[in-house]
């Protein structure tokens, strides 16, 4: 019989270590998206898109380094404006943009999750993508309630 309960202190230390980086007392958005993607092999790309002070939106963290700092795409803006997930096909992959954080009743952060064909049917990929986006949200809000994504 295995004693999995012995691993609980290890996971607690790892979680706290992730929350003690330099970003506002919590893990940086980049660290969070990188770690969540690594834990989800069906995810091929993971990005955070955040509303800026001037009302525009940009990619504030992504596993596709070339996207960081760039303007958010139309589907990201649509998800922010409607509060609904946006699902698109990218070849055989499925791209799902999920609103995850609100401020003053407006969606200010969305998580873009691209799922590989290995994720299953389109519906299965969408469901998995939403779970992954919620994992990102949990990590962001666990470490810094404002979401760290500015």
Foldseek 3Di string as FASTA:
>chain_A
DDDCVVCVVVVVVVLCVQLCDDQVSGHALQVLQVVLCVVPVQWPKKWKWFQDPVRFIATCYMPPVVRHPHGDDPQQVVCQQPVDWDWDDDDLKIWIKHQQDDDPRTGGMIMITIGHNVCDDSVSNRVVRVVSRVSSSCRQCVNPVVRSRD
